[in-house]
PDB file of N, CA and C in Angstrom:
ATOM      1  N   MET A   1      53.356 219.688  64.914  1.00  0.00           N
ATOM      2  CA  MET A   1      52.430 220.003  65.162  1.00  0.00           C
ATOM      3  C   MET A   1      51.115 219.031  65.828  1.00  0.00           C
ATOM      4  N   SER A   2      50.787 218.433  64.731  1.00  0.00           N
ATOM      5  CA  SER A   2      49.733 218.202  64.529  1.00  0.00           C
ATOM      6  C   SER A   2      49.542 216.366  65.498  1.00  0.00           C
ATOM      7  N   HIS A   3      50.295 216.183  66.038  1.00  0.00           N
ATOM      8  CA  HIS A   3      50.434 214.829  67.276  1.00  0.00           C
ATOM      9  C   HIS A   3      50.664 215.802  68.305  1.00  0.00           C
ATOM     10  N   LEU A   4      51.012 216.833  68.831  1.00  0.00           N
ATOM     11  CA  LEU A   4      50.784 217.495  69.657  1.00  0.00           C
ATOM     12  C   LEU A   4      49.444 218.253  70.189  1.00  0.00           C
ATOM     13  N   GLN A   5      48.707 217.806  69.175  1.00  0.00           N
ATOM     14  CA  GLN A   5      47.367 219.220  69.747  1.00  0.00           C
ATOM     15  C   GLN A   5      46.256 218.530  70.546  1.00  0.00           C
ATOM     16  N   PRO A   6      46.438 216.662  70.070  1.00  0.00           N
ATOM     17  CA  PRO A   6      45.574 215.984  71.387  1.00  0.00           C
ATOM     18  C   PRO A   6      46.274 216.578  72.728  1.00  0.00           C
ATOM     19  N   VAL A   7      47.323 216.690  73.027  1.00  0.00           N
ATOM     20  CA  VAL A   7      48.046 216.283  74.155  1.00  0.00           C
ATOM     21  C   VAL A   7      47.843 217.976  75.206  1.00  0.00           C
ATOM     22  N   LEU A   8      47.726 218.803  73.604  1.00  0.00           N
ATOM     23  CA  LEU A   8      47.394 220.225  74.698  1.00  0.00           C
ATOM     24  C   LEU A   8      46.100 220.152  74.453  1.00  0.00           C
ATOM     25  N   ILE A   9      45.126 219.592  73.828  1.00  0.00           N
ATOM     26  CA  ILE A   9      43.262 219.799  74.116  1.00  0.00           C
ATOM     27  C   ILE A   9      43.433 219.261  75.546  1.00  0.00           C
ATOM     28  N   PHE A  10      44.224 218.165  75.441  1.00  0.00           N
ATOM     29  CA  PHE A  10      43.844 217.349  77.582  1.00  0.00           C
ATOM     30  C   PHE A  10      44.473 218.174  78.022  1.00  0.00           C
ATOM     31  N   LEU A  11      45.342 219.084  77.958  1.00  0.00           N
ATOM     32  CA  LEU A  11      45.885 219.614  79.310  1.00  0.00           C
ATOM     33  C   LEU A  11      44.945 220.996  79.392  1.00  0.00           C
ATOM     34  N   ILE A  12      44.446 221.578  78.806  1.00  0.00           N
ATOM     35  CA  ILE A  12      42.947 222.343  78.433  1.00  0.00           C
ATOM     36  C   ILE A  12      42.001 222.406  78.994  1.00  0.00           C
ATOM     37  N   ILE A  13      41.386 220.883  79.131  1.00  0.00           N
ATOM     38  CA  ILE A  13      40.434 220.415  79.860  1.00  0.00           C
ATOM     39  C   ILE A  13      40.920 220.116  80.932  1.00  0.00           C
ATOM     40  N   PHE A  14      41.741 219.937  80.845  1.00  0.00           N
ATOM     41  CA  PHE A  14      42.185 219.470  82.466  1.00  0.00           C
ATOM     42  C   PHE A  14      42.642 220.579  83.376  1.00  0.00           C
ATOM     43  N   GLY A  15      43.170 221.358  82.730  1.00  0.00           N
ATOM     44  CA  GLY A  15      43.411 222.568  83.965  1.00  0.00           C
ATOM     45  C   GLY A  15      41.847 223.609  83.823  1.00  0.00           C
ATOM     46  N   THR A  16      40.717 223.029  83.019  1.00  0.00           N
ATOM     47  CA  THR A  16      40.053 223.776  82.801  1.00  0.00           C
ATOM     48  C   THR A  16      39.132 223.303  84.041  1.00  0.00           C
ATOM     49  N   ILE A  17      38.817 222.094  84.147  1.00  0.00           N
ATOM     50  CA  ILE A  17      38.426 221.153  85.176  1.00  0.00           C
ATOM     51  C   ILE A  17      38.712 221.375  86.385  1.00  0.00           C
ATOM     52  N   PHE A  18      39.981 221.964  86.808  1.00  0.00           N
ATOM     53  CA  PHE A  18      41.226 222.047  88.247  1.00  0.00           C
ATOM     54  C   PHE A  18      40.569 223.468  88.611  1.00  0.00           C
ATOM     55  N   GLY A  19      40.981 224.301  87.434  1.00  0.00           N
ATOM     56  CA  GLY A  19      40.564 225.915  87.979  1.00  0.00           C
ATOM     57  C   GLY A  19      39.059 225.768  88.738  1.00  0.00           C
ATOM     58  N   LEU A  20      38.235 224.948  88.080  1.00  0.00           N
ATOM     59  CA  LEU A  20      37.387 225.625  88.310  1.00  0.00           C
ATOM     60  C   LEU A  20      36.979 224.859  89.800  1.00  0.00           C
ATOM     61  N   ALA A  21      37.472 223.989  90.171  1.00  0.00           N
ATOM     62  CA  ALA A  21      37.343 223.108  91.146  1.00  0.00           C
ATOM     63  C   ALA A  21      37.860 223.503  92.163  1.00  0.00           C
ATOM     64  N   TYR A  22      39.167 224.037  92.326  1.00  0.00           N
ATOM     65  CA  TYR A  22      39.976 224.870  92.694  1.00  0.00           C
ATOM     66  C   TYR A  22      39.120 226.183  93.291  1.00  0.00           C
ATOM     67  N   LEU A  23      38.905 226.550  92.036  1.00  0.00           N
ATOM     68  CA  LEU A  23      37.771 228.126  92.485  1.00  0.00           C
ATOM     69  C   LEU A  23      36.522 227.412  93.485  1.00  0.00           C
ATOM     70  N   TYR A  24      35.953 226.515  92.791  1.00  0.00           N
ATOM     71  CA  TYR A  24      34.769 226.512  93.957  1.00  0.00           C
ATOM     72  C   TYR A  24      35.336 226.013  95.473  1.00  0.00           C
ATOM     73  N   PHE A  25      36.150 225.489  95.747  1.00  0.00           N
ATOM     74  CA  PHE A  25      36.622 224.435  96.916  1.00  0.00           C
ATOM     75  C   PHE A  25      37.209 225.674  98.133  1.00  0.00           C
ATOM     76  N   SER A  26      37.691 226.771  97.531  1.00  0.00           N
ATOM     77  CA  SER A  26      38.790 227.676  98.181  1.00  0.00           C
ATOM     78  C   SER A  26      37.598 229.003  98.346  1.00  0.00           C
ATOM     79  N   THR A  27      36.563 229.180  97.316  1.00  0.00           N
ATOM     80  CA  THR A  27      35.581 230.291  97.581  1.00  0.00           C
ATOM     81  C   THR A  27      34.864 229.638  98.960  1.00  0.00           C
ATOM     82  N   ARG A  28      34.435 228.722  98.756  1.00  0.00           N
ATOM     83  CA  ARG A  28      33.460 227.741 100.223  1.00  0.00           C
ATOM     84  C   ARG A  28      34.159 227.769 101.421  1.00  0.00           C
ATOM     85  N   ASN A  29      35.586 227.639 101.213  1.00  0.00           N
ATOM     86  CA  ASN A  29      36.148 227.781 102.004  1.00  0.00           C
ATOM     87  C   ASN A  29      35.935 228.854 103.383  1.00  0.00           C
ATOM     88  N   LYS A  30      36.658 229.637 102.109  1.00  0.00           N
ATOM     89  CA  LYS A  30      36.808 231.116 102.949  1.00  0.00           C
ATOM     90  C   LYS A  30      35.481 232.173 103.210  1.00  0.00           C
ATOM     91  N   GLU A  31      34.349 231.683 102.504  1.00  0.00           N
ATOM     92  CA  GLU A  31      32.828 231.864 102.802  1.00  0.00           C
ATOM     93  C   GLU A  31      32.575 231.405 104.345  1.00  0.00           C
ATOM     94  N   ARG A  32      32.863 230.036 104.485  1.00  0.00           N
ATOM     95  CA  ARG A  32      32.621 229.395 105.494  1.00  0.00           C
ATOM     96  C   ARG A  32      33.659 230.024 107.193  1.00  0.00           C
ATOM     97  N   MET A  33      35.010 230.370 106.684  1.00  0.00           N
ATOM     98  CA  MET A  33      35.515 230.632 107.843  1.00  0.00           C
ATOM     99  C   MET A  33      35.054 231.747 108.318  1.00  0.00           C
ATOM    100  N   ALA A  34      34.634 233.251 107.017  1.00  0.00           N
ATOM    101  CA  ALA A  34      34.096 234.245 107.090  1.00  0.00           C
ATOM    102  C   ALA A  34      32.894 234.131 108.220  1.00  0.00           C
ATOM    103  N   LEU A  35      32.095 233.395 108.136  1.00  0.00           N
ATOM    104  CA  LEU A  35      31.035 232.728 108.840  1.00  0.00           C
ATOM    105  C   LEU A  35      31.421 232.237 110.116  1.00  0.00           C
ATOM    106  N   ILE A  36      32.050 231.731 110.242  1.00  0.00           N
ATOM    107  CA  ILE A  36      32.470 230.949 111.834  1.00  0.00           C
ATOM    108  C   ILE A  36      33.162 232.034 112.230  1.00  0.00           C
ATOM    109  N   GLU A  37      34.028 232.921 111.800  1.00  0.00           N
ATOM    110  CA  GLU A  37      34.508 234.582 112.234  1.00  0.00           C
ATOM    111  C   GLU A  37      33.708 235.108 113.090  1.00  0.00           C
ATOM    112  N   LYS A  38      32.454 235.144 112.178  1.00  0.00           N
ATOM    113  CA  LYS A  38      31.804 236.481 112.776  1.00  0.00           C
ATOM    114  C   LYS A  38      30.645 235.833 113.742  1.00  0.00           C
ATOM    115  N   GLY A  39      30.522 234.135 114.149  1.00  0.00           N
ATOM    116  CA  GLY A  39      29.936 233.509 115.585  1.00  0.00           C
ATOM    117  C   GLY A  39      28.928 232.598 115.208  1.00  0.00           C
ATOM    118  N   ALA A  40      28.636 232.261 113.546  1.00  0.00           N
ATOM    119  CA  ALA A  40      27.586 231.775 113.513  1.00  0.00           C
ATOM    120  C   ALA A  40      27.373 230.188 113.362  1.00  0.00           C
ATOM    121  N   ASP A  41      27.152 229.239 113.961  1.00  0.00           N
ATOM    122  CA  ASP A  41      26.970 228.127 114.207  1.00  0.00           C
ATOM    123  C   ASP A  41      27.521 227.038 112.885  1.00  0.00           C
ATOM    124  N   ALA A  42      28.531 225.944 113.305  1.00  0.00           N
ATOM    125  CA  ALA A  42      28.803 225.457 112.551  1.00  0.00           C
ATOM    126  C   ALA A  42      27.875 224.373 111.813  1.00  0.00           C
ATOM    127  N   ASP A  43      26.729 224.467 112.508  1.00  0.00           N
ATOM    128  CA  ASP A  43      25.912 223.006 111.833  1.00  0.00           C
ATOM    129  C   ASP A  43      25.315 223.852 110.826  1.00  0.00           C
ATOM    130  N   ILE A  44      24.940 224.861 110.312  1.00  0.00           N
ATOM    131  CA  ILE A  44      24.431 225.190 108.978  1.00  0.00           C
ATOM    132  C   ILE A  44      24.800 224.619 107.775  1.00  0.00           C
ATOM    133  N   PHE A  45      26.535 224.266 108.223  1.00  0.00           N
ATOM    134  CA  PHE A  45      26.860 223.918 106.833  1.00  0.00           C
ATOM    135  C   PHE A  45      26.327 222.510 106.951  1.00  0.00           C
ATOM    136  N   PHE A  46      25.703 221.732 107.393  1.00  0.00           N
ATOM    137  CA  PHE A  46      25.664 219.896 107.279  1.00  0.00           C
ATOM    138  C   PHE A  46      23.781 220.507 107.412  1.00  0.00           C
ATOM    139  N   SER A  47      23.175 219.329 106.289  1.00  0.00           N
ATOM    140  CA  SER A  47      22.060 219.278 106.277  1.00  0.00           C
ATOM    141  C   SER A  47      21.533 218.288 107.012  1.00  0.00           C
ATOM    142  N   LYS A  48      20.748 218.222 107.821  1.00  0.00           N
ATOM    143  CA  LYS A  48      20.369 217.465 108.910  1.00  0.00           C
ATOM    144  C   LYS A  48      19.179 216.245 108.387  1.00  0.00           C
ATOM    145  N   LYS A  49      18.252 216.876 106.973  1.00  0.00           N
ATOM    146  CA  LYS A  49      17.163 215.701 106.144  1.00  0.00           C
ATOM    147  C   LYS A  49      16.932 216.670 104.823  1.00  0.00           C
ATOM    148  N   GLN A  50      16.723 215.241 104.209  1.00  0.00           N
ATOM    149  CA  GLN A  50      16.294 215.923 102.984  1.00  0.00           C
ATOM    150  C   GLN A  50      14.878 216.257 102.749  1.00  0.00           C
ATOM    151  N   ARG A  51      15.100 217.250 102.327  1.00  0.00           N
ATOM    152  CA  ARG A  51      13.410 218.089 102.164  1.00  0.00           C
ATOM    153  C   ARG A  51      12.900 218.375 100.648  1.00  0.00           C
ATOM    154  N   THR A  52      13.519 217.434 100.119  1.00  0.00           N
ATOM    155  CA  THR A  52      13.530 217.697  98.612  1.00  0.00           C
ATOM    156  C   THR A  52      13.020 216.202  97.870  1.00  0.00           C
ATOM    157  N   ALA A  53      12.732 215.931  96.649  1.00  0.00           N
ATOM    158  CA  ALA A  53      12.313 214.657  96.678  1.00  0.00           C
ATOM    159  C   ALA A  53      13.578 213.781  96.440  1.00  0.00           C
ATOM    160  N   PRO A  54      13.784 212.761  96.182  1.00  0.00           N
ATOM    161  CA  PRO A  54      14.354 212.100  95.975  1.00  0.00           C
ATOM    162  C   PRO A  54      15.669 212.264  94.649  1.00  0.00           C
ATOM    163  N   VAL A  55      17.011 212.411  94.501  1.00  0.00           N
ATOM    164  CA  VAL A  55      17.346 212.966  93.038  1.00  0.00           C
ATOM    165  C   VAL A  55      16.659 211.647  91.956  1.00  0.00           C
ATOM    166  N   TRP A  56      16.637 210.602  92.208  1.00  0.00           N
ATOM    167  CA  TRP A  56      16.071 209.083  91.077  1.00  0.00           C
ATOM    168  C   TRP A  56      14.850 209.811  90.955  1.00  0.00           C
ATOM    169  N   LYS A  57      14.012 210.042  91.719  1.00  0.00           N
ATOM    170  CA  LYS A  57      12.994 210.543  91.176  1.00  0.00           C
ATOM    171  C   LYS A  57      12.423 211.386  90.240  1.00  0.00           C
ATOM    172  N   ILE A  58      13.122 212.250  90.530  1.00  0.00           N
ATOM    173  CA  ILE A  58      13.020 213.786  89.994  1.00  0.00           C
ATOM    174  C   ILE A  58      13.955 212.883  88.219  1.00  0.00           C
ATOM    175  N   LEU A  59      14.970 212.343  88.429  1.00  0.00           N
ATOM    176  CA  LEU A  59      15.992 211.989  87.391  1.00  0.00           C
ATOM    177  C   LEU A  59      14.527 210.881  86.196  1.00  0.00           C
ATOM    178  N   ILE A  60      14.063 210.077  87.187  1.00  0.00           N
ATOM    179  CA  ILE A  60      12.985 208.857  86.309  1.00  0.00           C
ATOM    180  C   ILE A  60      11.867 210.256  85.732  1.00  0.00           C
ATOM    181  N   LEU A  61      11.931 210.634  86.284  1.00  0.00           N
ATOM    182  CA  LEU A  61      10.283 211.662  85.638  1.00  0.00           C
ATOM    183  C   LEU A  61      10.581 212.758  84.562  1.00  0.00           C
ATOM    184  N   ASN A  62      11.849 213.084  84.773  1.00  0.00           N
ATOM    185  CA  ASN A  62      12.654 214.020  83.776  1.00  0.00           C
ATOM    186  C   ASN A  62      12.726 212.908  82.765  1.00  0.00           C
ATOM    187  N   LEU A  63      13.880 212.031  82.713  1.00  0.00           N
ATOM    188  CA  LEU A  63      14.126 210.993  81.385  1.00  0.00           C
ATOM    189  C   LEU A  63      12.794 210.376  80.736  1.00  0.00           C
ATOM    190  N   SER A  64      11.696 210.211  81.557  1.00  0.00           N
ATOM    191  CA  SER A  64      10.225 209.602  81.126  1.00  0.00           C
ATOM    192  C   SER A  64       9.859 210.275  80.261  1.00  0.00           C
ATOM    193  N   LEU A  65       9.263 211.963  80.544  1.00  0.00           N
ATOM    194  CA  LEU A  65       8.703 213.324  79.660  1.00  0.00           C
ATOM    195  C   LEU A  65       9.876 213.183  78.409  1.00  0.00           C
ATOM    196  N   LEU A  66      11.612 212.994  78.902  1.00  0.00           N
ATOM    197  CA  LEU A  66      12.318 213.661  78.036  1.00  0.00           C
ATOM    198  C   LEU A  66      12.067 212.621  76.435  1.00  0.00           C
ATOM    199  N   LEU A  67      11.822 211.535  77.221  1.00  0.00           N
ATOM    200  CA  LEU A  67      11.617 210.150  75.977  1.00  0.00           C
ATOM    201  C   LEU A  67      10.281 210.602  75.406  1.00  0.00           C
ATOM    202  N   ILE A  68       9.279 210.867  76.221  1.00  0.00           N
ATOM    203  CA  ILE A  68       8.342 210.764  75.340  1.00  0.00           C
ATOM    204  C   ILE A  68       8.062 211.946  74.571  1.00  0.00           C
ATOM    205  N   GLY A  69       8.536 213.203  74.887  1.00  0.00           N
ATOM    206  CA  GLY A  69       9.066 214.315  74.081  1.00  0.00           C
ATOM    207  C   GLY A  69       9.466 213.555  72.583  1.00  0.00           C
ATOM    208  N   ILE A  70      10.446 212.981  72.763  1.00  0.00           N
ATOM    209  CA  ILE A  70      10.964 212.413  71.444  1.00  0.00           C
ATOM    210  C   ILE A  70      10.179 211.858  70.616  1.00  0.00           C
ATOM    211  N   GLY A  71       9.444 211.033  71.018  1.00  0.00           N
ATOM    212  CA  GLY A  71       8.253 210.200  70.390  1.00  0.00           C
ATOM    213  C   GLY A  71       7.297 210.837  69.864  1.00  0.00           C
ATOM    214  N   LEU A  72       6.841 211.875  70.771  1.00  0.00           N
ATOM    215  CA  LEU A  72       5.889 212.724  70.109  1.00  0.00           C
ATOM    216  C   LEU A  72       6.682 214.005  68.791  1.00  0.00           C
ATOM    217  N   GLY A  73       7.893 213.996  68.995  1.00  0.00           N
ATOM    218  CA  GLY A  73       8.750 214.756  68.421  1.00  0.00           C
ATOM    219  C   GLY A  73       8.651 213.513  66.676  1.00  0.00           C
ATOM    220  N   LEU A  74       8.846 212.429  66.720  1.00  0.00           N
ATOM    221  CA  LEU A  74       8.762 212.159  65.471  1.00  0.00           C
ATOM    222  C   LEU A  74       7.745 211.883  65.406  1.00  0.00           C
ATOM    223  N   PHE A  75       6.207 211.597  66.024  1.00  0.00           N
ATOM    224  CA  PHE A  75       5.253 211.502  65.013  1.00  0.00           C
ATOM    225  C   PHE A  75       4.733 212.769  64.816  1.00  0.00           C
ATOM    226  N   THR A  76       5.264 213.731  65.104  1.00  0.00           N
ATOM    227  CA  THR A  76       4.434 215.281  64.822  1.00  0.00           C
ATOM    228  C   THR A  76       5.197 215.671  63.579  1.00  0.00           C
ATOM    229  N   GLY A  77       6.513 215.132  63.193  1.00  0.00           N
ATOM    230  CA  GLY A  77       7.625 214.890  61.827  1.00  0.00           C
ATOM    231  C   GLY A  77       6.986 214.133  61.115  1.00  0.00           C
ATOM    232  N   SER A  78       6.675 212.935  61.446  1.00  0.00           N
ATOM    233  CA  SER A  78       6.278 212.317  60.007  1.00  0.00           C
ATOM    234  C   SER A  78       5.035 212.481  59.712  1.00  0.00           C
ATOM    235  N   LEU A  79       3.756 212.663  60.346  1.00  0.00           N
ATOM    236  CA  LEU A  79       2.586 213.662  60.197  1.00  0.00           C
ATOM    237  C   LEU A  79       2.892 214.930  59.331  1.00  0.00           C
ATOM    238  N   LEU A  80       3.403 215.827  59.794  1.00  0.00           N
ATOM    239  CA  LEU A  80       4.136 217.123  58.748  1.00  0.00           C
ATOM    240  C   LEU A  80       4.960 216.658  57.083  1.00  0.00           C
ATOM    241  N   GLU A  81       5.686 215.289  57.550  1.00  0.00           N
ATOM    242  CA  GLU A  81       6.207 214.858  56.569  1.00  0.00           C
ATOM    243  C   GLU A  81       5.058 214.735  55.502  1.00  0.00           C
ATOM    244  N   HIS A  82       4.461 214.154  55.939  1.00  0.00           N
ATOM    245  CA  HIS A  82       3.257 213.514  54.866  1.00  0.00           C
ATOM    246  C   HIS A  82       2.056 214.748  54.217  1.00  0.00           C
ATOM    247  N   LEU A  83       2.369 216.244  55.298  1.00  0.00           N
ATOM    248  CA  LEU A  83       1.605 216.925  54.323  1.00  0.00           C
ATOM    249  C   LEU A  83       2.634 217.990  53.413  1.00  0.00           C
ATOM    250  N   GLY A  84       3.964 217.207  53.161  1.00  0.00           N
ATOM    251  CA  GLY A  84       4.517 217.517  52.074  1.00  0.00           C
ATOM    252  C   GLY A  84       5.993 218.525  52.701  1.00  0.00           C
ATOM    253  N   LEU A  85       6.027 218.894  53.753  1.00  0.00           N
ATOM    254  CA  LEU A  85       7.375 219.581  54.136  1.00  0.00           C
ATOM    255  C   LEU A  85       8.550 218.996  54.052  1.00  0.00           C
ATOM    256  N   GLN A  86       9.375 219.677  54.227  1.00  0.00           N
ATOM    257  CA  GLN A  86      10.854 219.067  53.491  1.00  0.00           C
ATOM    258  C   GLN A  86      11.292 218.100  54.947  1.00  0.00           C
ATOM    259  N   THR A  87      11.876 216.505  54.701  1.00  0.00           N
ATOM    260  CA  THR A  87      12.041 215.708  55.844  1.00  0.00           C
ATOM    261  C   THR A  87      13.373 216.338  57.248  1.00  0.00           C
ATOM    262  N   GLN A  88      14.346 217.141  56.019  1.00  0.00           N
ATOM    263  CA  GLN A  88      15.535 217.747  56.745  1.00  0.00           C
ATOM    264  C   GLN A  88      15.597 218.496  57.474  1.00  0.00           C
ATOM    265  N   VAL A  89      14.226 220.042  57.876  1.00  0.00           N
ATOM    266  CA  VAL A  89      13.916 220.619  58.177  1.00  0.00           C
ATOM    267  C   VAL A  89      12.958 220.134  59.803  1.00  0.00           C
ATOM    268  N   VAL A  90      11.987 218.788  59.200  1.00  0.00           N
ATOM    269  CA  VAL A  90      10.825 218.471  60.153  1.00  0.00           C
ATOM    270  C   VAL A  90      11.051 217.949  61.186  1.00  0.00           C
ATOM    271  N   TYR A  91      12.019 216.894  60.862  1.00  0.00           N
ATOM    272  CA  TYR A  91      11.996 215.726  62.133  1.00  0.00           C
ATOM    273  C   TYR A  91      13.210 216.620  63.326  1.00  0.00           C
ATOM    274  N   PRO A  92      13.875 217.474  63.109  1.00  0.00           N
ATOM    275  CA  PRO A  92      14.969 218.069  63.963  1.00  0.00           C
ATOM    276  C   PRO A  92      14.229 219.121  64.762  1.00  0.00           C
ATOM    277  N   ALA A  93      13.403 220.062  63.717  1.00  0.00           N
ATOM    278  CA  ALA A  93      12.652 220.639  64.638  1.00  0.00           C
ATOM    279  C   ALA A  93      11.978 220.283  65.510  1.00  0.00           C
ATOM    280  N   CYS A  94      10.816 219.197  64.912  1.00  0.00           N
ATOM    281  CA  CYS A  94       9.541 218.495  66.153  1.00  0.00           C
ATOM    282  C   CYS A  94      10.414 217.928  66.995  1.00  0.00           C
ATOM    283  N   ILE A  95      11.638 217.156  67.068  1.00  0.00           N
ATOM    284  CA  ILE A  95      12.602 216.772  68.238  1.00  0.00           C
ATOM    285  C   ILE A  95      12.149 217.518  68.652  1.00  0.00           C
ATOM    286  N   LEU A  96      13.342 218.405  68.510  1.00  0.00           N
ATOM    287  CA  LEU A  96      13.826 219.772  69.946  1.00  0.00           C
ATOM    288  C   LEU A  96      12.974 220.516  70.702  1.00  0.00           C
ATOM    289  N   ILE A  97      11.537 220.404  69.875  1.00  0.00           N
ATOM    290  CA  ILE A  97      10.457 221.181  70.335  1.00  0.00           C
ATOM    291  C   ILE A  97       9.884 220.571  71.137  1.00  0.00           C
ATOM    292  N   MET A  98       9.649 219.444  70.857  1.00  0.00           N
ATOM    293  CA  MET A  98       8.840 218.439  71.615  1.00  0.00           C
ATOM    294  C   MET A  98      10.002 217.854  72.894  1.00  0.00           C
ATOM    295  N   SER A  99      10.854 218.008  72.790  1.00  0.00           N
ATOM    296  CA  SER A  99      11.968 217.426  73.802  1.00  0.00           C
ATOM    297  C   SER A  99      11.567 218.410  74.872  1.00  0.00           C
ATOM    298  N   GLY A 100      11.809 219.457  74.518  1.00  0.00           N
ATOM    299  CA  GLY A 100      11.493 220.577  75.443  1.00  0.00           C
ATOM    300  C   GLY A 100      10.634 220.735  75.669  1.00  0.00           C
ATOM    301  N   LEU A 101       9.715 220.653  75.287  1.00  0.00           N
ATOM    302  CA  LEU A 101       8.263 220.831  76.397  1.00  0.00           C
ATOM    303  C   LEU A 101       8.283 219.815  76.963  1.00  0.00           C
ATOM    304  N   GLY A 102       8.412 218.617  76.673  1.00  0.00           N
ATOM    305  CA  GLY A 102       8.806 217.469  78.043  1.00  0.00           C
ATOM    306  C   GLY A 102      10.014 217.420  78.820  1.00  0.00           C
ATOM    307  N   LEU A 103      10.648 218.183  78.707  1.00  0.00           N
ATOM    308  CA  LEU A 103      11.694 219.001  80.146  1.00  0.00           C
ATOM    309  C   LEU A 103      11.207 220.154  79.888  1.00  0.00           C
ATOM    310  N   PHE A 104      10.822 221.246  80.238  1.00  0.00           N
ATOM    311  CA  PHE A 104       9.603 222.001  80.829  1.00  0.00           C
ATOM    312  C   PHE A 104       8.733 221.287  81.873  1.00  0.00           C
ATOM    313  N   LEU A 105       8.340 220.626  81.225  1.00  0.00           N
ATOM    314  CA  LEU A 105       6.785 220.141  81.853  1.00  0.00           C
ATOM    315  C   LEU A 105       7.660 219.207  83.230  1.00  0.00           C
ATOM    316  N   GLY A 106       8.358 218.373  82.995  1.00  0.00           N
ATOM    317  CA  GLY A 106       9.852 217.661  84.043  1.00  0.00           C
ATOM    318  C   GLY A 106      10.041 218.271  84.974  1.00  0.00           C
ATOM    319  N   PHE A 107      10.373 219.906  84.618  1.00  0.00           N
ATOM    320  CA  PHE A 107      10.591 220.853  85.412  1.00  0.00           C
ATOM    321  C   PHE A 107       9.807 221.508  86.562  1.00  0.00           C
ATOM    322  N   HIS A 108       8.561 221.559  85.555  1.00  0.00           N
ATOM    323  CA  HIS A 108       6.891 222.090  86.773  1.00  0.00           C
ATOM    324  C   HIS A 108       6.430 221.222  87.634  1.00  0.00           C
ATOM    325  N   LEU A 109       6.389 219.775  87.224  1.00  0.00           N
ATOM    326  CA  LEU A 109       6.017 218.605  88.017  1.00  0.00           C
ATOM    327  C   LEU A 109       7.375 217.869  89.172  1.00  0.00           C
ATOM    328  N   SER A 110       8.789 218.313  88.542  1.00  0.00           N
ATOM    329  CA  SER A 110       9.329 217.686  89.723  1.00  0.00           C
ATOM    330  C   SER A 110       9.618 219.096  90.842  1.00  0.00           C
ATOM    331  N   LYS A 111       9.164 220.330  90.638  1.00  0.00           N
ATOM    332  CA  LYS A 111       8.783 221.419  91.595  1.00  0.00           C
ATOM    333  C   LYS A 111       7.475 221.211  92.550  1.00  0.00           C
ATOM    334  N   LYS A 112       6.700 220.062  92.125  1.00  0.00           N
ATOM    335  CA  LYS A 112       5.579 219.802  92.750  1.00  0.00           C
ATOM    336  C   LYS A 112       6.182 218.744  93.765  1.00  0.00           C
ATOM    337  N   LEU A 113       6.754 217.889  93.302  1.00  0.00           N
ATOM    338  CA  LEU A 113       7.663 216.244  94.470  1.00  0.00           C
ATOM    339  C   LEU A 113       8.050 217.136  95.218  1.00  0.00           C
ATOM    340  N   ASP A 114       8.635 218.065  95.638  1.00  0.00           N
ATOM    341  CA  ASP A 114       9.096 218.606  96.894  1.00  0.00           C
ATOM    342  C   ASP A 114       8.088 218.787  97.983  1.00  0.00           C
TER     343      ASP A 114
END
């Protein structure tokens, strides 16, 4: 049975991805067909102009703020370790908190880019 487990896991993952893709595309097709039957113009399905900031700008902004947050988390963890707190708790907590704050800040700054 142990040699069958990797194959079974692969089939479950593949089936899940296929099922989600099939559900997404079939639902989108049905939705579009219903709109066309009601007389909606087919041009609403195609975007003419990109009205948001380019993806690469948002990605670089969020990645840079995430790395800054990780660095600040390491620095804060080091400071708290010297105050006598446990190393196993301080570093992961500070890294996660600061990187979360960095991503939160990136989310709000990327909204301003639009």
